[in-house]
Amino acid sequence: MRIVITAQGNTLDSPLDPRFGRARSFIVCDTETGATHAVDVSANMNLAQGAGIQAAQMAADAGAEAVITGHVGPKAFTALNRGHIAVYLCDLATPREALAAFIEGKLRPADTADREGHW
């Protein structure tokens, strides 16, 4: 399974980025092989609008079946949902901790966005 985790840097030990649409990078993790790589998505940080939808497309392009992030807005949540990408919200410190919690079954899929748009 491929998982995208939002990060403020380009490693599993970077701080988890709490904002999906305006994250600095995605850490793409393959749970079957253990391989990880970073994708720079910082261009979305400066978009006036549509950052969440653009980030959802980038997650889909990375082959994500799930996204782990701190928070997600309604447009991004809808775009991810339409792409059959599950959303997991967490407040852990790093992508490494979030990945471990996911693998251990400690994270549950979100039913809805947890933030208003443009936050």
PDB file of N, CA and C in Angstrom:
ATOM      1  N   MET A   1       0.842  -1.173   0.000  1.00  0.00           N
ATOM      2  CA  MET A   1       0.000   0.000   0.000  1.00  0.00           C
ATOM      3  C   MET A   1       0.889   1.238   0.000  1.00  0.00           C
ATOM      4  N   ARG A   2       0.527   2.211  -0.794  1.00  0.00           N
ATOM      5  CA  ARG A   2       1.247   3.488  -0.806  1.00  0.00           C
ATOM      6  C   ARG A   2       0.505   4.501   0.050  1.00  0.00           C
ATOM      7  N   ILE A   3       1.259   5.134   0.937  1.00  0.00           N
ATOM      8  CA  ILE A   3       0.710   6.137   1.844  1.00  0.00           C
ATOM      9  C   ILE A   3       1.478   7.429   1.642  1.00  0.00           C
ATOM     10  N   VAL A   4       0.771   8.540   1.583  1.00  0.00           N
ATOM     11  CA  VAL A   4       1.384   9.866   1.554  1.00  0.00           C
ATOM     12  C   VAL A   4       1.209  10.482   2.930  1.00  0.00           C
ATOM     13  N   ILE A   5       2.320  10.967   3.491  1.00  0.00           N
ATOM     14  CA  ILE A   5       2.293  11.624   4.799  1.00  0.00           C
ATOM     15  C   ILE A   5       2.820  13.042   4.610  1.00  0.00           C
ATOM     16  N   THR A   6       2.083  14.032   5.102  1.00  0.00           N
ATOM     17  CA  THR A   6       2.534  15.415   4.965  1.00  0.00           C
ATOM     18  C   THR A   6       3.697  15.688   5.908  1.00  0.00           C
ATOM     19  N   ALA A   7       4.681  16.441   5.404  1.00  0.00           N
ATOM     20  CA  ALA A   7       5.873  16.716   6.203  1.00  0.00           C
ATOM     21  C   ALA A   7       6.369  18.131   5.937  1.00  0.00           C
ATOM     22  N   GLN A   8       7.085  18.661   6.923  1.00  0.00           N
ATOM     23  CA  GLN A   8       7.695  19.980   6.773  1.00  0.00           C
ATOM     24  C   GLN A   8       9.109  19.886   6.211  1.00  0.00           C
ATOM     25  N   GLY A   9       9.582  18.684   5.982  1.00  0.00           N
ATOM     26  CA  GLY A   9      10.900  18.436   5.409  1.00  0.00           C
ATOM     27  C   GLY A   9      10.829  17.255   4.471  1.00  0.00           C
ATOM     28  N   ASN A  10      11.982  16.639   4.190  1.00  0.00           N
ATOM     29  CA  ASN A  10      11.977  15.561   3.202  1.00  0.00           C
ATOM     30  C   ASN A  10      12.372  14.192   3.750  1.00  0.00           C
ATOM     31  N   THR A  11      12.230  13.999   5.074  1.00  0.00           N
ATOM     32  CA  THR A  11      12.536  12.697   5.657  1.00  0.00           C
ATOM     33  C   THR A  11      11.417  12.261   6.593  1.00  0.00           C
ATOM     34  N   LEU A  12      11.447  10.988   6.958  1.00  0.00           N
ATOM     35  CA  LEU A  12      10.473  10.462   7.920  1.00  0.00           C
ATOM     36  C   LEU A  12      10.611  11.113   9.296  1.00  0.00           C
ATOM     37  N   ASP A  13      11.773  11.706   9.564  1.00  0.00           N
ATOM     38  CA  ASP A  13      11.986  12.328  10.870  1.00  0.00           C
ATOM     39  C   ASP A  13      11.753  13.831  10.875  1.00  0.00           C
ATOM     40  N   SER A  14      11.315  14.379   9.754  1.00  0.00           N
ATOM     41  CA  SER A  14      10.922  15.794   9.698  1.00  0.00           C
ATOM     42  C   SER A  14       9.650  15.977  10.511  1.00  0.00           C
ATOM     43  N   PRO A  15       9.343  17.197  10.935  1.00  0.00           N
ATOM     44  CA  PRO A  15       8.054  17.411  11.602  1.00  0.00           C
ATOM     45  C   PRO A  15       6.892  17.114  10.649  1.00  0.00           C
ATOM     46  N   LEU A  16       5.860  16.494  11.176  1.00  0.00           N
ATOM     47  CA  LEU A  16       4.645  16.258  10.394  1.00  0.00           C
ATOM     48  C   LEU A  16       4.031  17.612  10.077  1.00  0.00           C
ATOM     49  N   ASP A  17       3.649  17.838   8.837  1.00  0.00           N
ATOM     50  CA  ASP A  17       3.012  19.101   8.471  1.00  0.00           C
ATOM     51  C   ASP A  17       1.521  18.974   8.743  1.00  0.00           C
ATOM     52  N   PRO A  18       0.947  19.849   9.565  1.00  0.00           N
ATOM     53  CA  PRO A  18      -0.458  19.706   9.929  1.00  0.00           C
ATOM     54  C   PRO A  18      -1.436  20.092   8.819  1.00  0.00           C
ATOM     55  N   ARG A  19      -0.964  20.755   7.770  1.00  0.00           N
ATOM     56  CA  ARG A  19      -1.867  21.218   6.712  1.00  0.00           C
ATOM     57  C   ARG A  19      -1.662  20.401   5.437  1.00  0.00           C
ATOM     58  N   PHE A  20      -2.687  19.701   5.017  1.00  0.00           N
ATOM     59  CA  PHE A  20      -2.578  18.867   3.830  1.00  0.00           C
ATOM     60  C   PHE A  20      -2.321  19.697   2.571  1.00  0.00           C
ATOM     61  N   GLY A  21      -3.196  20.624   2.277  1.00  0.00           N
ATOM     62  CA  GLY A  21      -3.119  21.371   1.029  1.00  0.00           C
ATOM     63  C   GLY A  21      -1.916  22.267   0.900  1.00  0.00           C
ATOM     64  N   ARG A  22      -1.385  22.703   1.994  1.00  0.00           N
ATOM     65  CA  ARG A  22      -0.246  23.619   1.966  1.00  0.00           C
ATOM     66  C   ARG A  22       0.989  23.029   2.641  1.00  0.00           C
ATOM     67  N   ALA A  23       1.084  21.715   2.597  1.00  0.00           N
ATOM     68  CA  ALA A  23       2.259  21.030   3.149  1.00  0.00           C
ATOM     69  C   ALA A  23       3.490  21.371   2.317  1.00  0.00           C
ATOM     70  N   ARG A  24       4.648  21.317   2.946  1.00  0.00           N
ATOM     71  CA  ARG A  24       5.904  21.561   2.233  1.00  0.00           C
ATOM     72  C   ARG A  24       6.279  20.357   1.361  1.00  0.00           C
ATOM     73  N   SER A  25       6.042  19.143   1.893  1.00  0.00           N
ATOM     74  CA  SER A  25       6.372  17.953   1.112  1.00  0.00           C
ATOM     75  C   SER A  25       5.487  16.782   1.507  1.00  0.00           C
ATOM     76  N   PHE A  26       5.481  15.791   0.652  1.00  0.00           N
ATOM     77  CA  PHE A  26       4.831  14.516   0.923  1.00  0.00           C
ATOM     78  C   PHE A  26       5.934  13.478   1.074  1.00  0.00           C
ATOM     79  N   ILE A  27       5.824  12.661   2.094  1.00  0.00           N
ATOM     80  CA  ILE A  27       6.675  11.490   2.205  1.00  0.00           C
ATOM     81  C   ILE A  27       5.828  10.324   1.706  1.00  0.00           C
ATOM     82  N   VAL A  28       6.247   9.718   0.621  1.00  0.00           N
ATOM     83  CA  VAL A  28       5.518   8.596   0.021  1.00  0.00           C
ATOM     84  C   VAL A  28       6.130   7.315   0.569  1.00  0.00           C
ATOM     85  N   CYS A  29       5.303   6.511   1.221  1.00  0.00           N
ATOM     86  CA  CYS A  29       5.763   5.276   1.871  1.00  0.00           C
ATOM     87  C   CYS A  29       5.079   4.075   1.239  1.00  0.00           C
ATOM     88  N   ASP A  30       5.859   3.071   0.905  1.00  0.00           N
ATOM     89  CA  ASP A  30       5.316   1.811   0.401  1.00  0.00           C
ATOM     90  C   ASP A  30       5.378   0.818   1.551  1.00  0.00           C
ATOM     91  N   THR A  31       4.234   0.435   2.088  1.00  0.00           N
ATOM     92  CA  THR A  31       4.209  -0.428   3.271  1.00  0.00           C
ATOM     93  C   THR A  31       4.646  -1.855   2.953  1.00  0.00           C
ATOM     94  N   GLU A  32       4.618  -2.240   1.695  1.00  0.00           N
ATOM     95  CA  GLU A  32       5.037  -3.595   1.328  1.00  0.00           C
ATOM     96  C   GLU A  32       6.551  -3.713   1.219  1.00  0.00           C
ATOM     97  N   THR A  33       7.192  -2.701   0.651  1.00  0.00           N
ATOM     98  CA  THR A  33       8.643  -2.774   0.447  1.00  0.00           C
ATOM     99  C   THR A  33       9.434  -2.002   1.495  1.00  0.00           C
ATOM    100  N   GLY A  34       8.771  -1.079   2.189  1.00  0.00           N
ATOM    101  CA  GLY A  34       9.459  -0.224   3.152  1.00  0.00           C
ATOM    102  C   GLY A  34      10.137   0.977   2.516  1.00  0.00           C
ATOM    103  N   ALA A  35      10.055   1.099   1.191  1.00  0.00           N
ATOM    104  CA  ALA A  35      10.680   2.213   0.486  1.00  0.00           C
ATOM    105  C   ALA A  35       9.949   3.518   0.774  1.00  0.00           C
ATOM    106  N   THR A  36      10.706   4.601   0.865  1.00  0.00           N
ATOM    107  CA  THR A  36      10.127   5.927   1.038  1.00  0.00           C
ATOM    108  C   THR A  36      10.863   6.914   0.138  1.00  0.00           C
ATOM    109  N   HIS A  37      10.158   7.938  -0.260  1.00  0.00           N
ATOM    110  CA  HIS A  37      10.788   9.057  -0.956  1.00  0.00           C
ATOM    111  C   HIS A  37       9.953  10.307  -0.736  1.00  0.00           C
ATOM    112  N   ALA A  38      10.602  11.454  -0.874  1.00  0.00           N
ATOM    113  CA  ALA A  38       9.932  12.732  -0.667  1.00  0.00           C
ATOM    114  C   ALA A  38       9.523  13.338  -2.003  1.00  0.00           C
ATOM    115  N   VAL A  39       8.386  14.025  -1.992  1.00  0.00           N
ATOM    116  CA  VAL A  39       7.910  14.772  -3.149  1.00  0.00           C
ATOM    117  C   VAL A  39       7.709  16.206  -2.692  1.00  0.00           C
ATOM    118  N   ASP A  40       8.371  17.143  -3.343  1.00  0.00           N
ATOM    119  CA  ASP A  40       8.248  18.557  -3.002  1.00  0.00           C
ATOM    120  C   ASP A  40       6.910  19.074  -3.523  1.00  0.00           C
ATOM    121  N   VAL A  41       6.046  19.493  -2.631  1.00  0.00           N
ATOM    122  CA  VAL A  41       4.746  20.057  -3.011  1.00  0.00           C
ATOM    123  C   VAL A  41       4.612  21.483  -2.499  1.00  0.00           C
ATOM    124  N   SER A  42       5.744  22.110  -2.198  1.00  0.00           N
ATOM    125  CA  SER A  42       5.745  23.444  -1.595  1.00  0.00           C
ATOM    126  C   SER A  42       5.153  24.512  -2.511  1.00  0.00           C
ATOM    127  N   ALA A  43       5.058  24.254  -3.808  1.00  0.00           N
ATOM    128  CA  ALA A  43       4.444  25.231  -4.714  1.00  0.00           C
ATOM    129  C   ALA A  43       2.998  25.517  -4.317  1.00  0.00           C
ATOM    130  N   ASN A  44       2.335  24.542  -3.700  1.00  0.00           N
ATOM    131  CA  ASN A  44       0.947  24.732  -3.271  1.00  0.00           C
ATOM    132  C   ASN A  44       0.827  25.740  -2.133  1.00  0.00           C
ATOM    133  N   MET A  45       1.902  25.966  -1.401  1.00  0.00           N
ATOM    134  CA  MET A  45       1.856  26.851  -0.238  1.00  0.00           C
ATOM    135  C   MET A  45       1.438  28.268  -0.620  1.00  0.00           C
ATOM    136  N   ASN A  46       1.741  28.695  -1.836  1.00  0.00           N
ATOM    137  CA  ASN A  46       1.483  30.072  -2.252  1.00  0.00           C
ATOM    138  C   ASN A  46       0.244  30.251  -3.116  1.00  0.00           C
ATOM    139  N   LEU A  47      -0.494  29.184  -3.342  1.00  0.00           N
ATOM    140  CA  LEU A  47      -1.706  29.302  -4.151  1.00  0.00           C
ATOM    141  C   LEU A  47      -2.773  30.086  -3.387  1.00  0.00           C
ATOM    142  N   ALA A  48      -3.451  30.986  -4.081  1.00  0.00           N
ATOM    143  CA  ALA A  48      -4.516  31.766  -3.449  1.00  0.00           C
ATOM    144  C   ALA A  48      -5.698  30.875  -3.095  1.00  0.00           C
ATOM    145  N   GLN A  49      -5.971  29.908  -3.939  1.00  0.00           N
ATOM    146  CA  GLN A  49      -7.035  28.942  -3.678  1.00  0.00           C
ATOM    147  C   GLN A  49      -6.768  27.683  -4.489  1.00  0.00           C
ATOM    148  N   GLY A  50      -7.445  26.602  -4.125  1.00  0.00           N
ATOM    149  CA  GLY A  50      -7.282  25.351  -4.844  1.00  0.00           C
ATOM    150  C   GLY A  50      -6.107  24.502  -4.395  1.00  0.00           C
ATOM    151  N   ALA A  51      -5.437  24.904  -3.304  1.00  0.00           N
ATOM    152  CA  ALA A  51      -4.262  24.158  -2.835  1.00  0.00           C
ATOM    153  C   ALA A  51      -4.631  22.734  -2.436  1.00  0.00           C
ATOM    154  N   GLY A  52      -5.758  22.565  -1.775  1.00  0.00           N
ATOM    155  CA  GLY A  52      -6.168  21.233  -1.332  1.00  0.00           C
ATOM    156  C   GLY A  52      -6.480  20.307  -2.489  1.00  0.00           C
ATOM    157  N   ILE A  53      -7.148  20.836  -3.502  1.00  0.00           N
ATOM    158  CA  ILE A  53      -7.477  20.031  -4.678  1.00  0.00           C
ATOM    159  C   ILE A  53      -6.201  19.674  -5.432  1.00  0.00           C
ATOM    160  N   GLN A  54      -5.290  20.631  -5.568  1.00  0.00           N
ATOM    161  CA  GLN A  54      -4.020  20.372  -6.245  1.00  0.00           C
ATOM    162  C   GLN A  54      -3.220  19.324  -5.470  1.00  0.00           C
ATOM    163  N   ALA A  55      -3.186  19.433  -4.145  1.00  0.00           N
ATOM    164  CA  ALA A  55      -2.461  18.459  -3.321  1.00  0.00           C
ATOM    165  C   ALA A  55      -3.087  17.073  -3.452  1.00  0.00           C
ATOM    166  N   ALA A  56      -4.414  17.009  -3.524  1.00  0.00           N
ATOM    167  CA  ALA A  56      -5.090  15.720  -3.699  1.00  0.00           C
ATOM    168  C   ALA A  56      -4.685  15.083  -5.026  1.00  0.00           C
ATOM    169  N   GLN A  57      -4.580  15.891  -6.076  1.00  0.00           N
ATOM    170  CA  GLN A  57      -4.146  15.374  -7.377  1.00  0.00           C
ATOM    171  C   GLN A  57      -2.713  14.871  -7.298  1.00  0.00           C
ATOM    172  N   MET A  58      -1.856  15.596  -6.581  1.00  0.00           N
ATOM    173  CA  MET A  58      -0.460  15.185  -6.429  1.00  0.00           C
ATOM    174  C   MET A  58      -0.359  13.878  -5.634  1.00  0.00           C
ATOM    175  N   ALA A  59      -1.220  13.711  -4.642  1.00  0.00           N
ATOM    176  CA  ALA A  59      -1.240  12.458  -3.879  1.00  0.00           C
ATOM    177  C   ALA A  59      -1.678  11.305  -4.780  1.00  0.00           C
ATOM    178  N   ALA A  60      -2.688  11.553  -5.602  1.00  0.00           N
ATOM    179  CA  ALA A  60      -3.146  10.521  -6.547  1.00  0.00           C
ATOM    180  C   ALA A  60      -2.039  10.180  -7.552  1.00  0.00           C
ATOM    181  N   ASP A  61      -1.344  11.203  -8.035  1.00  0.00           N
ATOM    182  CA  ASP A  61      -0.254  10.978  -8.987  1.00  0.00           C
ATOM    183  C   ASP A  61       0.876  10.158  -8.358  1.00  0.00           C
ATOM    184  N   ALA A  62       1.032  10.279  -7.032  1.00  0.00           N
ATOM    185  CA  ALA A  62       2.063   9.505  -6.322  1.00  0.00           C
ATOM    186  C   ALA A  62       1.615   8.075  -6.057  1.00  0.00           C
ATOM    187  N   GLY A  63       0.381   7.755  -6.443  1.00  0.00           N
ATOM    188  CA  GLY A  63      -0.133   6.403  -6.256  1.00  0.00           C
ATOM    189  C   GLY A  63      -0.679   6.141  -4.868  1.00  0.00           C
ATOM    190  N   ALA A  64      -1.013   7.192  -4.143  1.00  0.00           N
ATOM    191  CA  ALA A  64      -1.488   7.038  -2.762  1.00  0.00           C
ATOM    192  C   ALA A  64      -2.824   6.308  -2.692  1.00  0.00           C
ATOM    193  N   GLU A  65      -2.908   5.436  -1.711  1.00  0.00           N
ATOM    194  CA  GLU A  65      -4.170   4.802  -1.363  1.00  0.00           C
ATOM    195  C   GLU A  65      -4.679   5.370  -0.047  1.00  0.00           C
ATOM    196  N   ALA A  66      -3.786   6.089   0.661  1.00  0.00           N
ATOM    197  CA  ALA A  66      -4.139   6.727   1.924  1.00  0.00           C
ATOM    198  C   ALA A  66      -3.257   7.958   2.118  1.00  0.00           C
ATOM    199  N   VAL A  67      -3.788   8.922   2.847  1.00  0.00           N
ATOM    200  CA  VAL A  67      -3.067  10.132   3.220  1.00  0.00           C
ATOM    201  C   VAL A  67      -3.130  10.261   4.731  1.00  0.00           C
ATOM    202  N   ILE A  68      -1.996  10.579   5.331  1.00  0.00           N
ATOM    203  CA  ILE A  68      -1.948  10.876   6.760  1.00  0.00           C
ATOM    204  C   ILE A  68      -1.497  12.320   6.900  1.00  0.00           C
ATOM    205  N   THR A  69      -2.269  13.108   7.616  1.00  0.00           N
ATOM    206  CA  THR A  69      -1.978  14.523   7.803  1.00  0.00           C
ATOM    207  C   THR A  69      -2.592  15.009   9.102  1.00  0.00           C
ATOM    208  N   GLY A  70      -2.279  16.222   9.460  1.00  0.00           N
ATOM    209  CA  GLY A  70      -2.849  16.791  10.682  1.00  0.00           C
ATOM    210  C   GLY A  70      -4.290  17.222  10.493  1.00  0.00           C
ATOM    211  N   HIS A  71      -4.556  17.917   9.394  1.00  0.00           N
ATOM    212  CA  HIS A  71      -5.892  18.452   9.125  1.00  0.00           C
ATOM    213  C   HIS A  71      -6.137  18.474   7.629  1.00  0.00           C
ATOM    214  N   VAL A  72      -7.403  18.453   7.261  1.00  0.00           N
ATOM    215  CA  VAL A  72      -7.776  18.504   5.846  1.00  0.00           C
ATOM    216  C   VAL A  72      -9.060  19.309   5.702  1.00  0.00           C
ATOM    217  N   GLY A  73      -9.094  20.144   4.670  1.00  0.00           N
ATOM    218  CA  GLY A  73     -10.277  20.955   4.396  1.00  0.00           C
ATOM    219  C   GLY A  73     -11.295  20.200   3.562  1.00  0.00           C
ATOM    220  N   PRO A  74     -12.480  20.798   3.380  1.00  0.00           N
ATOM    221  CA  PRO A  74     -13.576  20.100   2.698  1.00  0.00           C
ATOM    222  C   PRO A  74     -13.333  19.797   1.223  1.00  0.00           C
ATOM    223  N   LYS A  75     -12.719  20.714   0.486  1.00  0.00           N
ATOM    224  CA  LYS A  75     -12.488  20.456  -0.936  1.00  0.00           C
ATOM    225  C   LYS A  75     -11.445  19.368  -1.129  1.00  0.00           C
ATOM    226  N   ALA A  76     -10.389  19.406  -0.335  1.00  0.00           N
ATOM    227  CA  ALA A  76      -9.364  18.367  -0.427  1.00  0.00           C
ATOM    228  C   ALA A  76      -9.946  17.022  -0.011  1.00  0.00           C
ATOM    229  N   PHE A  77     -10.736  17.011   1.057  1.00  0.00           N
ATOM    230  CA  PHE A  77     -11.331  15.756   1.515  1.00  0.00           C
ATOM    231  C   PHE A  77     -12.216  15.150   0.419  1.00  0.00           C
ATOM    232  N   THR A  78     -13.025  15.984  -0.212  1.00  0.00           N
ATOM    233  CA  THR A  78     -13.901  15.506  -1.281  1.00  0.00           C
ATOM    234  C   THR A  78     -13.087  14.969  -2.457  1.00  0.00           C
ATOM    235  N   ALA A  79     -12.029  15.694  -2.839  1.00  0.00           N
ATOM    236  CA  ALA A  79     -11.193  15.244  -3.958  1.00  0.00           C
ATOM    237  C   ALA A  79     -10.510  13.919  -3.631  1.00  0.00           C
ATOM    238  N   LEU A  80     -10.002  13.788  -2.421  1.00  0.00           N
ATOM    239  CA  LEU A  80      -9.365  12.526  -2.016  1.00  0.00           C
ATOM    240  C   LEU A  80     -10.381  11.394  -1.995  1.00  0.00           C
ATOM    241  N   ASN A  81     -11.558  11.682  -1.450  1.00  0.00           N
ATOM    242  CA  ASN A  81     -12.617  10.681  -1.376  1.00  0.00           C
ATOM    243  C   ASN A  81     -13.019  10.211  -2.779  1.00  0.00           C
ATOM    244  N   ARG A  82     -13.150  11.131  -3.695  1.00  0.00           N
ATOM    245  CA  ARG A  82     -13.514  10.766  -5.073  1.00  0.00           C
ATOM    246  C   ARG A  82     -12.424   9.932  -5.742  1.00  0.00           C
ATOM    247  N   GLY A  83     -11.182  10.146  -5.311  1.00  0.00           N
ATOM    248  CA  GLY A  83     -10.068   9.371  -5.845  1.00  0.00           C
ATOM    249  C   GLY A  83      -9.832   8.072  -5.103  1.00  0.00           C
ATOM    250  N   HIS A  84     -10.752   7.742  -4.185  1.00  0.00           N
ATOM    251  CA  HIS A  84     -10.658   6.516  -3.380  1.00  0.00           C
ATOM    252  C   HIS A  84      -9.374   6.486  -2.547  1.00  0.00           C
ATOM    253  N   ILE A  85      -9.003   7.650  -2.016  1.00  0.00           N
ATOM    254  CA  ILE A  85      -7.837   7.773  -1.148  1.00  0.00           C
ATOM    255  C   ILE A  85      -8.346   8.063   0.258  1.00  0.00           C
ATOM    256  N   ALA A  86      -8.083   7.153   1.182  1.00  0.00           N
ATOM    257  CA  ALA A  86      -8.536   7.314   2.563  1.00  0.00           C
ATOM    258  C   ALA A  86      -7.719   8.405   3.256  1.00  0.00           C
ATOM    259  N   VAL A  87      -8.360   9.122   4.157  1.00  0.00           N
ATOM    260  CA  VAL A  87      -7.708  10.198   4.907  1.00  0.00           C
ATOM    261  C   VAL A  87      -7.630   9.800   6.372  1.00  0.00           C
ATOM    262  N   TYR A  88      -6.431   9.907   6.932  1.00  0.00           N
ATOM    263  CA  TYR A  88      -6.193   9.636   8.342  1.00  0.00           C
ATOM    264  C   TYR A  88      -5.628  10.898   8.974  1.00  0.00           C
ATOM    265  N   LEU A  89      -6.263  11.370  10.027  1.00  0.00           N
ATOM    266  CA  LEU A  89      -5.808  12.569  10.718  1.00  0.00           C
ATOM    267  C   LEU A  89      -5.064  12.169  11.977  1.00  0.00           C
ATOM    268  N   CYS A  90      -3.952  12.849  12.242  1.00  0.00           N
ATOM    269  CA  CYS A  90      -3.216  12.557  13.468  1.00  0.00           C
ATOM    270  C   CYS A  90      -2.434  13.783  13.906  1.00  0.00           C
ATOM    271  N   ASP A  91      -2.038  13.785  15.154  1.00  0.00           N
ATOM    272  CA  ASP A  91      -1.274  14.909  15.702  1.00  0.00           C
ATOM    273  C   ASP A  91       0.096  14.448  16.207  1.00  0.00           C
ATOM    274  N   LEU A  92       0.612  13.397  15.606  1.00  0.00           N
ATOM    275  CA  LEU A  92       1.927  12.894  16.000  1.00  0.00           C
ATOM    276  C   LEU A  92       3.025  13.825  15.482  1.00  0.00           C
ATOM    277  N   ALA A  93       4.220  13.712  16.047  1.00  0.00           N
ATOM    278  CA  ALA A  93       5.291  14.665  15.763  1.00  0.00           C
ATOM    279  C   ALA A  93       5.945  14.483  14.397  1.00  0.00           C
ATOM    280  N   THR A  94       6.086  13.242  13.929  1.00  0.00           N
ATOM    281  CA  THR A  94       6.823  13.000  12.687  1.00  0.00           C
ATOM    282  C   THR A  94       6.089  12.012  11.786  1.00  0.00           C
ATOM    283  N   PRO A  95       6.408  12.030  10.502  1.00  0.00           N
ATOM    284  CA  PRO A  95       5.859  11.012   9.616  1.00  0.00           C
ATOM    285  C   PRO A  95       6.227   9.592  10.055  1.00  0.00           C
ATOM    286  N   ARG A  96       7.411   9.410  10.610  1.00  0.00           N
ATOM    287  CA  ARG A  96       7.805   8.079  11.093  1.00  0.00           C
ATOM    288  C   ARG A  96       6.833   7.577  12.159  1.00  0.00           C
ATOM    289  N   GLU A  97       6.485   8.454  13.113  1.00  0.00           N
ATOM    290  CA  GLU A  97       5.530   8.079  14.167  1.00  0.00           C
ATOM    291  C   GLU A  97       4.148   7.821  13.578  1.00  0.00           C
ATOM    292  N   ALA A  98       3.744   8.646  12.618  1.00  0.00           N
ATOM    293  CA  ALA A  98       2.432   8.476  11.986  1.00  0.00           C
ATOM    294  C   ALA A  98       2.373   7.157  11.216  1.00  0.00           C
ATOM    295  N   LEU A  99       3.438   6.828  10.495  1.00  0.00           N
ATOM    296  CA  LEU A  99       3.485   5.574   9.747  1.00  0.00           C
ATOM    297  C   LEU A  99       3.405   4.379  10.691  1.00  0.00           C
ATOM    298  N   ALA A 100       4.141   4.434  11.787  1.00  0.00           N
ATOM    299  CA  ALA A 100       4.112   3.338  12.764  1.00  0.00           C
ATOM    300  C   ALA A 100       2.712   3.175  13.347  1.00  0.00           C
ATOM    301  N   ALA A 101       2.054   4.289  13.680  1.00  0.00           N
ATOM    302  CA  ALA A 101       0.692   4.226  14.224  1.00  0.00           C
ATOM    303  C   ALA A 101      -0.268   3.631  13.206  1.00  0.00           C
ATOM    304  N   PHE A 102      -0.101   3.993  11.934  1.00  0.00           N
ATOM    305  CA  PHE A 102      -0.948   3.439  10.879  1.00  0.00           C
ATOM    306  C   PHE A 102      -0.756   1.930  10.770  1.00  0.00           C
ATOM    307  N   ILE A 103       0.489   1.500  10.700  1.00  0.00           N
ATOM    308  CA  ILE A 103       0.795   0.070  10.562  1.00  0.00           C
ATOM    309  C   ILE A 103       0.274  -0.719  11.759  1.00  0.00           C
ATOM    310  N   GLU A 104       0.337  -0.115  12.944  1.00  0.00           N
ATOM    311  CA  GLU A 104      -0.148  -0.782  14.154  1.00  0.00           C
ATOM    312  C   GLU A 104      -1.667  -0.720  14.297  1.00  0.00           C
ATOM    313  N   GLY A 105      -2.357  -0.078  13.354  1.00  0.00           N
ATOM    314  CA  GLY A 105      -3.815   0.009  13.394  1.00  0.00           C
ATOM    315  C   GLY A 105      -4.346   1.018  14.393  1.00  0.00           C
ATOM    316  N   LYS A 106      -3.523   1.982  14.777  1.00  0.00           N
ATOM    317  CA  LYS A 106      -3.928   2.972  15.776  1.00  0.00           C
ATOM    318  C   LYS A 106      -4.620   4.193  15.164  1.00  0.00           C
ATOM    319  N   LEU A 107      -4.591   4.325  13.849  1.00  0.00           N
ATOM    320  CA  LEU A 107      -5.255   5.448  13.184  1.00  0.00           C
ATOM    321  C   LEU A 107      -6.538   4.950  12.522  1.00  0.00           C
ATOM    322  N   ARG A 108      -7.543   5.789  12.547  1.00  0.00           N
ATOM    323  CA  ARG A 108      -8.824   5.457  11.927  1.00  0.00           C
ATOM    324  C   ARG A 108      -9.103   6.433  10.797  1.00  0.00           C
ATOM    325  N   PRO A 109      -9.723   5.972   9.721  1.00  0.00           N
ATOM    326  CA  PRO A 109     -10.029   6.885   8.619  1.00  0.00           C
ATOM    327  C   PRO A 109     -11.009   7.971   9.050  1.00  0.00           C
ATOM    328  N   ALA A 110     -10.795   9.168   8.535  1.00  0.00           N
ATOM    329  CA  ALA A 110     -11.690  10.296   8.825  1.00  0.00           C
ATOM    330  C   ALA A 110     -12.974  10.138   8.018  1.00  0.00           C
ATOM    331  N   ASP A 111     -14.073  10.579   8.604  1.00  0.00           N
ATOM    332  CA  ASP A 111     -15.365  10.538   7.926  1.00  0.00           C
ATOM    333  C   ASP A 111     -15.660  11.823   7.173  1.00  0.00           C
ATOM    334  N   THR A 112     -14.953  12.885   7.536  1.00  0.00           N
ATOM    335  CA  THR A 112     -15.212  14.196   6.957  1.00  0.00           C
ATOM    336  C   THR A 112     -14.004  15.098   7.177  1.00  0.00           C
ATOM    337  N   ALA A 113     -14.025  16.243   6.517  1.00  0.00           N
ATOM    338  CA  ALA A 113     -12.982  17.246   6.736  1.00  0.00           C
ATOM    339  C   ALA A 113     -13.072  17.757   8.178  1.00  0.00           C
ATOM    340  N   ASP A 114     -11.943  18.200   8.703  1.00  0.00           N
ATOM    341  CA  ASP A 114     -11.972  18.712  10.079  1.00  0.00           C
ATOM    342  C   ASP A 114     -11.672  20.215  10.136  1.00  0.00           C
ATOM    343  N   ARG A 115     -11.561  20.858   8.981  1.00  0.00           N
ATOM    344  CA  ARG A 115     -11.294  22.300   8.920  1.00  0.00           C
ATOM    345  C   ARG A 115     -12.180  22.916   7.842  1.00  0.00           C
ATOM    346  N   GLU A 116     -12.440  24.209   8.000  1.00  0.00           N
ATOM    347  CA  GLU A 116     -13.130  24.969   6.965  1.00  0.00           C
ATOM    348  C   GLU A 116     -12.138  25.246   5.845  1.00  0.00           C
ATOM    349  N   GLY A 117     -12.630  25.664   4.722  1.00  0.00           N
ATOM    350  CA  GLY A 117     -11.741  26.010   3.623  1.00  0.00           C
ATOM    351  C   GLY A 117     -10.903  27.234   3.922  1.00  0.00           C
ATOM    352  N   HIS A 118      -9.776  27.376   3.227  1.00  0.00           N
ATOM    353  CA  HIS A 118      -8.872  28.542   3.327  1.00  0.00           C
ATOM    354  C   HIS A 118      -8.379  28.797   4.733  1.00  0.00           C
ATOM    355  N   TRP A 119      -7.890  27.789   5.395  1.00  0.00           N
ATOM    356  CA  TRP A 119      -7.304  28.003   6.723  1.00  0.00           C
ATOM    357  C   TRP A 119      -5.849  27.886   6.571  1.00  0.00           C
TER     358      TRP A 119
END
